[in-house]
C-alpha atoms as a PDB file:
ATOM      1  CA  UNK A   1     132.841 -13.084 -98.770  1.00  0.00           C
ATOM      2  CA  UNK A   2     136.284 -13.503 -97.692  1.00  0.00           C
ATOM      3  CA  UNK A   3     137.046 -16.864 -95.847  1.00  0.00           C
ATOM      4  CA  UNK A   4     137.106 -15.097 -92.633  1.00  0.00           C
ATOM      5  CA  UNK A   5     134.240 -13.496 -92.965  1.00  0.00           C
ATOM      6  CA  UNK A   6     132.527 -16.756 -93.455  1.00  0.00           C
ATOM      7  CA  UNK A   7     134.038 -18.015 -90.553  1.00  0.00           C
ATOM      8  CA  UNK A   8     132.634 -15.140 -89.221  1.00  0.00           C
ATOM      9  CA  UNK A   9     129.214 -15.900 -89.805  1.00  0.00           C
ATOM     10  CA  UNK A  10     129.554 -19.860 -88.549  1.00  0.00           C
ATOM     11  CA  UNK A  11     131.018 -18.311 -85.450  1.00  0.00           C
ATOM     12  CA  UNK A  12     127.831 -16.275 -84.875  1.00  0.00           C
ATOM     13  CA  UNK A  13     125.501 -19.123 -84.501  1.00  0.00           C
ATOM     14  CA  UNK A  14     124.629 -20.006 -88.553  1.00  0.00           C
ATOM     15  CA  UNK A  15     124.926 -23.775 -88.698  1.00  0.00           C
ATOM     16  CA  UNK A  16     126.731 -25.811 -91.920  1.00  0.00           C
ATOM     17  CA  UNK A  17     123.902 -28.574 -93.013  1.00  0.00           C
ATOM     18  CA  UNK A  18     125.611 -31.580 -93.294  1.00  0.00           C
ATOM     19  CA  UNK A  19     125.135 -33.983 -96.379  1.00  0.00           C
ATOM     20  CA  UNK A  20     122.314 -36.557 -96.002  1.00  0.00           C
ATOM     21  CA  UNK A  21     122.709 -40.347 -96.103  1.00  0.00           C
ATOM     22  CA  UNK A  22     121.939 -40.956 -99.926  1.00  0.00           C
ATOM     23  CA  UNK A  23     125.065 -38.650-100.635  1.00  0.00           C
ATOM     24  CA  UNK A  24     127.506 -40.225 -98.379  1.00  0.00           C
ATOM     25  CA  UNK A  25     126.208 -43.279 -99.465  1.00  0.00           C
ATOM     26  CA  UNK A  26     126.802 -42.334-103.141  1.00  0.00           C
ATOM     27  CA  UNK A  27     130.282 -40.759-102.855  1.00  0.00           C
ATOM     28  CA  UNK A  28     131.427 -43.879-101.077  1.00  0.00           C
ATOM     29  CA  UNK A  29     129.950 -46.045-103.771  1.00  0.00           C
ATOM     30  CA  UNK A  30     131.917 -43.718-106.542  1.00  0.00           C
ATOM     31  CA  UNK A  31     135.372 -44.040-104.547  1.00  0.00           C
ATOM     32  CA  UNK A  32     134.842 -48.242-105.076  1.00  0.00           C
ATOM     33  CA  UNK A  33     136.409 -49.077-108.024  1.00  0.00           C
ATOM     34  CA  UNK A  34     134.499 -52.255-108.291  1.00  0.00           C
ATOM     35  CA  UNK A  35     131.226 -50.148-108.331  1.00  0.00           C
ATOM     36  CA  UNK A  36     128.805 -50.039-111.315  1.00  0.00           C
ATOM     37  CA  UNK A  37     125.448 -48.680-111.720  1.00  0.00           C
ATOM     38  CA  UNK A  38     123.753 -51.314-109.788  1.00  0.00           C
ATOM     39  CA  UNK A  39     126.087 -50.394-106.309  1.00  0.00           C
ATOM     40  CA  UNK A  40     125.255 -46.712-107.002  1.00  0.00           C
ATOM     41  CA  UNK A  41     121.481 -47.208-107.488  1.00  0.00           C
ATOM     42  CA  UNK A  42     121.489 -48.949-103.997  1.00  0.00           C
ATOM     43  CA  UNK A  43     123.587 -46.539-102.395  1.00  0.00           C
ATOM     44  CA  UNK A  44     120.323 -44.276-102.638  1.00  0.00           C
ATOM     45  CA  UNK A  45     117.511 -47.139-103.018  1.00  0.00           C
ATOM     46  CA  UNK A  46     116.701 -46.260 -99.415  1.00  0.00           C
ATOM     47  CA  UNK A  47     115.638 -42.668-100.044  1.00  0.00           C
ATOM     48  CA  UNK A  48     112.668 -42.193-102.044  1.00  0.00           C
ATOM     49  CA  UNK A  49     113.011 -38.729-102.343  1.00  0.00           C
ATOM     50  CA  UNK A  50     116.017 -38.882-104.237  1.00  0.00           C
ATOM     51  CA  UNK A  51     114.741 -41.570-106.375  1.00  0.00           C
ATOM     52  CA  UNK A  52     112.073 -39.721-107.284  1.00  0.00           C
ATOM     53  CA  UNK A  53     113.767 -37.065-108.237  1.00  0.00           C
ATOM     54  CA  UNK A  54     116.375 -38.788-110.667  1.00  0.00           C
ATOM     55  CA  UNK A  55     113.983 -40.873-112.581  1.00  0.00           C
ATOM     56  CA  UNK A  56     112.075 -37.554-113.047  1.00  0.00           C
ATOM     57  CA  UNK A  57     115.404 -35.996-114.220  1.00  0.00           C
ATOM     58  CA  UNK A  58     116.187 -38.876-116.401  1.00  0.00           C
ATOM     59  CA  UNK A  59     112.710 -39.020-117.596  1.00  0.00           C
ATOM     60  CA  UNK A  60     112.623 -34.930-118.813  1.00  0.00           C
ATOM     61  CA  UNK A  61     112.704 -33.929-121.945  1.00  0.00           C
ATOM     62  CA  UNK A  62     115.391 -31.588-121.687  1.00  0.00           C
ATOM     63  CA  UNK A  63     117.884 -34.454-121.795  1.00  0.00           C
ATOM     64  CA  UNK A  64     115.936 -36.414-124.519  1.00  0.00           C
ATOM     65  CA  UNK A  65     116.561 -39.788-123.838  1.00  0.00           C
ATOM     66  CA  UNK A  66     116.673 -42.448-125.588  1.00  0.00           C
ATOM     67  CA  UNK A  67     114.269 -44.682-123.573  1.00  0.00           C
ATOM     68  CA  UNK A  68     112.013 -43.734-120.609  1.00  0.00           C
ATOM     69  CA  UNK A  69     113.354 -44.812-117.086  1.00  0.00           C
ATOM     70  CA  UNK A  70     111.883 -46.966-115.003  1.00  0.00           C
ATOM     71  CA  UNK A  71     113.929 -48.188-112.215  1.00  0.00           C
ATOM     72  CA  UNK A  72     117.334 -46.341-110.966  1.00  0.00           C
ATOM     73  CA  UNK A  73     119.428 -48.372-111.807  1.00  0.00           C
ATOM     74  CA  UNK A  74     117.980 -47.082-115.560  1.00  0.00           C
ATOM     75  CA  UNK A  75     118.159 -43.553-114.362  1.00  0.00           C
ATOM     76  CA  UNK A  76     121.772 -43.594-113.172  1.00  0.00           C
ATOM     77  CA  UNK A  77     122.851 -45.178-116.373  1.00  0.00           C
ATOM     78  CA  UNK A  78     121.107 -42.157-118.457  1.00  0.00           C
ATOM     79  CA  UNK A  79     121.934 -39.402-116.668  1.00  0.00           C
ATOM     80  CA  UNK A  80     125.448 -40.025-115.749  1.00  0.00           C
ATOM     81  CA  UNK A  81     127.655 -40.069-112.983  1.00  0.00           C
ATOM     82  CA  UNK A  82     127.598 -36.418-111.890  1.00  0.00           C
ATOM     83  CA  UNK A  83     124.147 -35.591-113.020  1.00  0.00           C
ATOM     84  CA  UNK A  84     123.334 -38.500-110.051  1.00  0.00           C
ATOM     85  CA  UNK A  85     125.636 -36.855-107.770  1.00  0.00           C
ATOM     86  CA  UNK A  86     123.927 -33.046-108.682  1.00  0.00           C
ATOM     87  CA  UNK A  87     120.692 -34.746-107.651  1.00  0.00           C
ATOM     88  CA  UNK A  88     120.660 -36.335-104.940  1.00  0.00           C
ATOM     89  CA  UNK A  89     123.079 -33.106-103.293  1.00  0.00           C
ATOM     90  CA  UNK A  90     120.275 -31.427-104.363  1.00  0.00           C
ATOM     91  CA  UNK A  91     117.975 -33.176-102.388  1.00  0.00           C
ATOM     92  CA  UNK A  92     119.930 -33.551 -99.997  1.00  0.00           C
ATOM     93  CA  UNK A  93     120.309 -29.523 -99.475  1.00  0.00           C
ATOM     94  CA  UNK A  94     116.398 -29.590-100.014  1.00  0.00           C
ATOM     95  CA  UNK A  95     115.790 -31.723 -96.996  1.00  0.00           C
ATOM     96  CA  UNK A  96     117.200 -28.980 -95.091  1.00  0.00           C
ATOM     97  CA  UNK A  97     114.268 -26.823 -94.949  1.00  0.00           C
ATOM     98  CA  UNK A  98     112.067 -28.772 -92.863  1.00  0.00           C
ATOM     99  CA  UNK A  99     113.815 -26.199 -90.069  1.00  0.00           C
ATOM    100  CA  UNK A 100     112.515 -23.258 -91.551  1.00  0.00           C
ATOM    101  CA  UNK A 101     109.062 -21.703 -91.304  1.00  0.00           C
ATOM    102  CA  UNK A 102     106.626 -19.443 -92.819  1.00  0.00           C
ATOM    103  CA  UNK A 103     108.136 -16.964 -95.795  1.00  0.00           C
ATOM    104  CA  UNK A 104     111.407 -17.712 -95.434  1.00  0.00           C
ATOM    105  CA  UNK A 105     111.084 -21.824 -96.216  1.00  0.00           C
ATOM    106  CA  UNK A 106     109.139 -20.285 -99.314  1.00  0.00           C
ATOM    107  CA  UNK A 107     111.621 -17.648-100.213  1.00  0.00           C
ATOM    108  CA  UNK A 108     114.378 -20.166-100.191  1.00  0.00           C
ATOM    109  CA  UNK A 109     112.160 -22.860-101.826  1.00  0.00           C
ATOM    110  CA  UNK A 110     111.701 -20.502-104.470  1.00  0.00           C
ATOM    111  CA  UNK A 111     115.172 -19.716-104.868  1.00  0.00           C
ATOM    112  CA  UNK A 112     116.294 -23.591-104.988  1.00  0.00           C
ATOM    113  CA  UNK A 113     114.018 -24.388-108.115  1.00  0.00           C
ATOM    114  CA  UNK A 114     115.164 -21.908-109.857  1.00  0.00           C
ATOM    115  CA  UNK A 115     118.396 -23.072-109.358  1.00  0.00           C
ATOM    116  CA  UNK A 116     116.863 -26.210-110.389  1.00  0.00           C
ATOM    117  CA  UNK A 117     115.698 -24.625-113.640  1.00  0.00           C
ATOM    118  CA  UNK A 118     118.920 -22.841-114.412  1.00  0.00           C
ATOM    119  CA  UNK A 119     120.832 -26.331-114.358  1.00  0.00           C
ATOM    120  CA  UNK A 120     118.455 -27.589-117.166  1.00  0.00           C
ATOM    121  CA  UNK A 121     119.793 -24.666-119.234  1.00  0.00           C
ATOM    122  CA  UNK A 122     123.398 -24.395-118.198  1.00  0.00           C
ATOM    123  CA  UNK A 123     123.229 -28.184-119.323  1.00  0.00           C
ATOM    124  CA  UNK A 124     121.884 -27.320-122.852  1.00  0.00           C
ATOM    125  CA  UNK A 125     124.444 -24.513-123.592  1.00  0.00           C
ATOM    126  CA  UNK A 126     126.939 -26.430-122.675  1.00  0.00           C
ATOM    127  CA  UNK A 127     125.811 -29.241-124.624  1.00  0.00           C
ATOM    128  CA  UNK A 128     125.946 -26.717-127.569  1.00  0.00           C
ATOM    129  CA  UNK A 129     129.023 -24.942-127.076  1.00  0.00           C
ATOM    130  CA  UNK A 130     132.669 -25.600-127.256  1.00  0.00           C
ATOM    131  CA  UNK A 131     132.360 -26.429-123.536  1.00  0.00           C
ATOM    132  CA  UNK A 132     130.601 -29.750-124.419  1.00  0.00           C
ATOM    133  CA  UNK A 133     133.027 -31.691-121.987  1.00  0.00           C
ATOM    134  CA  UNK A 134     132.133 -29.782-118.997  1.00  0.00           C
ATOM    135  CA  UNK A 135     128.107 -30.046-119.484  1.00  0.00           C
ATOM    136  CA  UNK A 136     127.493 -32.778-116.444  1.00  0.00           C
ATOM    137  CA  UNK A 137     129.546 -30.913-114.236  1.00  0.00           C
ATOM    138  CA  UNK A 138     128.168 -27.217-115.778  1.00  0.00           C
ATOM    139  CA  UNK A 139     124.791 -29.297-114.549  1.00  0.00           C
ATOM    140  CA  UNK A 140     126.575 -30.034-111.133  1.00  0.00           C
ATOM    141  CA  UNK A 141     127.574 -26.289-110.626  1.00  0.00           C
ATOM    142  CA  UNK A 142     124.490 -24.835-111.237  1.00  0.00           C
ATOM    143  CA  UNK A 143     121.895 -26.783-109.242  1.00  0.00           C
ATOM    144  CA  UNK A 144     123.824 -26.118-106.345  1.00  0.00           C
ATOM    145  CA  UNK A 145     125.342 -22.275-107.234  1.00  0.00           C
ATOM    146  CA  UNK A 146     122.726 -20.978-104.123  1.00  0.00           C
ATOM    147  CA  UNK A 147     123.191 -23.557-101.344  1.00  0.00           C
ATOM    148  CA  UNK A 148     125.035 -20.993 -99.282  1.00  0.00           C
ATOM    149  CA  UNK A 149     121.388 -19.605 -98.636  1.00  0.00           C
ATOM    150  CA  UNK A 150     120.453 -21.962 -96.630  1.00  0.00           C
ATOM    151  CA  UNK A 151     123.107 -21.152 -94.030  1.00  0.00           C
ATOM    152  CA  UNK A 152     121.884 -17.451 -94.153  1.00  0.00           C
ATOM    153  CA  UNK A 153     118.255 -19.046 -93.824  1.00  0.00           C
ATOM    154  CA  UNK A 154     118.811 -20.663 -90.883  1.00  0.00           C
ATOM    155  CA  UNK A 155     120.331 -17.399 -88.966  1.00  0.00           C
ATOM    156  CA  UNK A 156     116.584 -16.333 -89.924  1.00  0.00           C
ATOM    157  CA  UNK A 157     117.577 -13.218 -92.458  1.00  0.00           C
ATOM    158  CA  UNK A 158     114.752 -13.378 -94.563  1.00  0.00           C
ATOM    159  CA  UNK A 159     115.720 -10.284 -95.425  1.00  0.00           C
ATOM    160  CA  UNK A 160     119.129 -11.159 -97.549  1.00  0.00           C
ATOM    161  CA  UNK A 161     117.619 -13.263 -99.782  1.00  0.00           C
ATOM    162  CA  UNK A 162     116.310 -10.662-101.928  1.00  0.00           C
ATOM    163  CA  UNK A 163     115.609 -11.830-106.224  1.00  0.00           C
ATOM    164  CA  UNK A 164     119.251 -11.111-107.187  1.00  0.00           C
ATOM    165  CA  UNK A 165     121.340 -12.841-104.167  1.00  0.00           C
ATOM    166  CA  UNK A 166     124.470 -11.541-105.812  1.00  0.00           C
ATOM    167  CA  UNK A 167     125.865 -10.054-102.584  1.00  0.00           C
ATOM    168  CA  UNK A 168     124.912 -11.414 -99.532  1.00  0.00           C
ATOM    169  CA  UNK A 169     127.264 -13.407 -99.139  1.00  0.00           C
ATOM    170  CA  UNK A 170     125.765 -16.878-100.188  1.00  0.00           C
ATOM    171  CA  UNK A 171     128.426 -17.510-103.161  1.00  0.00           C
ATOM    172  CA  UNK A 172     131.439 -18.006-100.548  1.00  0.00           C
ATOM    173  CA  UNK A 173     129.035 -19.774 -98.239  1.00  0.00           C
ATOM    174  CA  UNK A 174     127.745 -22.116-101.051  1.00  0.00           C
ATOM    175  CA  UNK A 175     131.786 -23.109-101.440  1.00  0.00           C
ATOM    176  CA  UNK A 176     132.158 -23.611 -98.191  1.00  0.00           C
ATOM    177  CA  UNK A 177     129.159 -25.795 -98.099  1.00  0.00           C
ATOM    178  CA  UNK A 178     130.036 -27.718-101.137  1.00  0.00           C
ATOM    179  CA  UNK A 179     133.755 -28.425 -99.776  1.00  0.00           C
ATOM    180  CA  UNK A 180     132.323 -29.374 -96.463  1.00  0.00           C
ATOM    181  CA  UNK A 181     130.018 -32.121 -98.730  1.00  0.00           C
ATOM    182  CA  UNK A 182     133.448 -33.014-100.480  1.00  0.00           C
ATOM    183  CA  UNK A 183     132.255 -32.486-103.857  1.00  0.00           C
ATOM    184  CA  UNK A 184     133.831 -31.581-106.486  1.00  0.00           C
ATOM    185  CA  UNK A 185     136.594 -28.763-105.770  1.00  0.00           C
ATOM    186  CA  UNK A 186     137.066 -27.077-109.491  1.00  0.00           C
ATOM    187  CA  UNK A 187     132.517 -26.706-109.140  1.00  0.00           C
ATOM    188  CA  UNK A 188     132.698 -25.863-105.273  1.00  0.00           C
ATOM    189  CA  UNK A 189     135.495 -22.636-107.001  1.00  0.00           C
ATOM    190  CA  UNK A 190     133.084 -21.754-109.154  1.00  0.00           C
ATOM    191  CA  UNK A 191     130.015 -21.665-107.234  1.00  0.00           C
ATOM    192  CA  UNK A 192     132.458 -19.166-104.537  1.00  0.00           C
ATOM    193  CA  UNK A 193     132.666 -16.606-107.654  1.00  0.00           C
ATOM    194  CA  UNK A 194     129.611 -17.641-109.360  1.00  0.00           C
ATOM    195  CA  UNK A 195     128.476 -13.752-108.889  1.00  0.00           C
ATOM    196  CA  UNK A 196     132.191 -12.496-110.168  1.00  0.00           C
ATOM    197  CA  UNK A 197     133.136 -12.145-112.918  1.00  0.00           C
ATOM    198  CA  UNK A 198     136.023 -10.586-112.415  1.00  0.00           C
ATOM    199  CA  UNK A 199     137.251 -13.127-109.765  1.00  0.00           C
ATOM    200  CA  UNK A 200     136.448 -16.122-112.139  1.00  0.00           C
ATOM    201  CA  UNK A 201     138.153 -14.837-114.777  1.00  0.00           C
ATOM    202  CA  UNK A 202     141.265 -14.682-112.393  1.00  0.00           C
ATOM    203  CA  UNK A 203     141.061 -18.290-111.049  1.00  0.00           C
ATOM    204  CA  UNK A 204     140.801 -19.334-115.094  1.00  0.00           C
ATOM    205  CA  UNK A 205     140.507 -22.450-116.341  1.00  0.00           C
ATOM    206  CA  UNK A 206     137.692 -25.389-116.063  1.00  0.00           C
ATOM    207  CA  UNK A 207     137.111 -22.878-113.223  1.00  0.00           C
ATOM    208  CA  UNK A 208     136.152 -19.643-115.093  1.00  0.00           C
ATOM    209  CA  UNK A 209     134.482 -21.610-118.071  1.00  0.00           C
ATOM    210  CA  UNK A 210     131.622 -23.474-115.643  1.00  0.00           C
ATOM    211  CA  UNK A 211     131.200 -19.604-113.859  1.00  0.00           C
ATOM    212  CA  UNK A 212     130.701 -18.834-117.268  1.00  0.00           C
ATOM    213  CA  UNK A 213     128.144 -21.773-118.377  1.00  0.00           C
ATOM    214  CA  UNK A 214     126.605 -21.147-115.099  1.00  0.00           C
ATOM    215  CA  UNK A 215     126.183 -17.349-115.625  1.00  0.00           C
ATOM    216  CA  UNK A 216     124.435 -18.099-119.272  1.00  0.00           C
ATOM    217  CA  UNK A 217     122.277 -20.646-117.789  1.00  0.00           C
ATOM    218  CA  UNK A 218     121.089 -17.649-115.717  1.00  0.00           C
ATOM    219  CA  UNK A 219     120.670 -15.172-118.838  1.00  0.00           C
ATOM    220  CA  UNK A 220     118.386 -17.432-120.434  1.00  0.00           C
ATOM    221  CA  UNK A 221     116.325 -18.139-116.832  1.00  0.00           C
ATOM    222  CA  UNK A 222     116.124 -14.591-116.348  1.00  0.00           C
ATOM    223  CA  UNK A 223     116.673 -12.653-118.839  1.00  0.00           C
ATOM    224  CA  UNK A 224     118.711  -9.372-119.529  1.00  0.00           C
ATOM    225  CA  UNK A 225     120.272  -8.248-116.681  1.00  0.00           C
ATOM    226  CA  UNK A 226     123.362  -5.799-115.085  1.00  0.00           C
ATOM    227  CA  UNK A 227     124.803  -8.947-113.883  1.00  0.00           C
ATOM    228  CA  UNK A 228     124.394 -10.354-117.601  1.00  0.00           C
ATOM    229  CA  UNK A 229     126.449  -6.898-119.082  1.00  0.00           C
ATOM    230  CA  UNK A 230     130.103  -8.634-116.588  1.00  0.00           C
ATOM    231  CA  UNK A 231     129.962 -11.827-117.915  1.00  0.00           C
ATOM    232  CA  UNK A 232     128.356 -11.129-121.513  1.00  0.00           C
ATOM    233  CA  UNK A 233     132.330 -10.396-122.786  1.00  0.00           C
ATOM    234  CA  UNK A 234     134.023 -13.163-121.087  1.00  0.00           C
ATOM    235  CA  UNK A 235     131.650 -15.953-122.164  1.00  0.00           C
ATOM    236  CA  UNK A 236     131.493 -14.121-125.897  1.00  0.00           C
ATOM    237  CA  UNK A 237     135.366 -13.728-126.082  1.00  0.00           C
ATOM    238  CA  UNK A 238     136.440 -16.733-124.495  1.00  0.00           C
ATOM    239  CA  UNK A 239     134.084 -19.357-125.482  1.00  0.00           C
ATOM    240  CA  UNK A 240     132.047 -18.196-128.501  1.00  0.00           C
ATOM    241  CA  UNK A 241     128.481 -17.671-125.937  1.00  0.00           C
ATOM    242  CA  UNK A 242     126.843 -14.567-127.236  1.00  0.00           C
ATOM    243  CA  UNK A 243     123.016 -13.222-127.402  1.00  0.00           C
ATOM    244  CA  UNK A 244     122.268 -15.452-130.599  1.00  0.00           C
ATOM    245  CA  UNK A 245     123.728 -18.248-129.929  1.00  0.00           C
ATOM    246  CA  UNK A 246     121.791 -17.745-126.369  1.00  0.00           C
ATOM    247  CA  UNK A 247     118.782 -17.004-128.298  1.00  0.00           C
ATOM    248  CA  UNK A 248     119.197 -20.710-130.324  1.00  0.00           C
ATOM    249  CA  UNK A 249     119.492 -22.329-127.695  1.00  0.00           C
ATOM    250  CA  UNK A 250     115.803 -21.655-125.799  1.00  0.00           C
ATOM    251  CA  UNK A 251     114.746 -21.757-130.055  1.00  0.00           C
ATOM    252  CA  UNK A 252     116.226 -25.811-129.723  1.00  0.00           C
ATOM    253  CA  UNK A 253     114.685 -25.954-126.426  1.00  0.00           C
ATOM    254  CA  UNK A 254     111.093 -24.735-127.687  1.00  0.00           C
ATOM    255  CA  UNK A 255     111.075 -27.194-130.280  1.00  0.00           C
ATOM    256  CA  UNK A 256     112.119 -30.188-128.248  1.00  0.00           C
ATOM    257  CA  UNK A 257     108.717 -29.123-126.165  1.00  0.00           C
END
């Protein structure tokens, strides 16, 4: 979806969600070169939902923590800055659900829950691949990849929020939201092409790598799909991520469980 169409959707009455207070405070703390884990924890401490989510993620078996986190400081120290940012942004995004009603809210909640699962799987794919350095960034991208549906949902477009979500314009809308929220530019760009393998290839570099990792995470979450056929070749040829690699990733996760 071109930029002008995004502008047209926003001009039609759809509203751009605002970042929550916790995310704004966290980003301010991140910009302070003197801030440490204590300052980051203080930035989110007044939001119980964010605090609870951070501790749950830090203690998740997916990430195999060395020790259990009992406090926000411990959780942030365990999962690192990018995953702290991802979890905080995701909780703030879910805070927008209060304006939705009935089936529409249920649909969006299910999509966001699926994004959370995809983020875990994307992280595992990245950690086991040649793109390990992008693990935390890929987690953020996968967590926020379906952000744009909240804009569609606020217009009441329940019919557009189908299972694939590939062709309803949500990638470009999501990229616009992430840029407005001042999340990393490469993540916003990857979200904008996360259903467009050719577009990701043209952008190249880390954007392409992130988009491929996100596609691999969805492949593990959803199984075989028509969309995966467009990503399978670049994932294998550029990064060595093929079906054997993905099956091994799932097997290792099952062993950990």
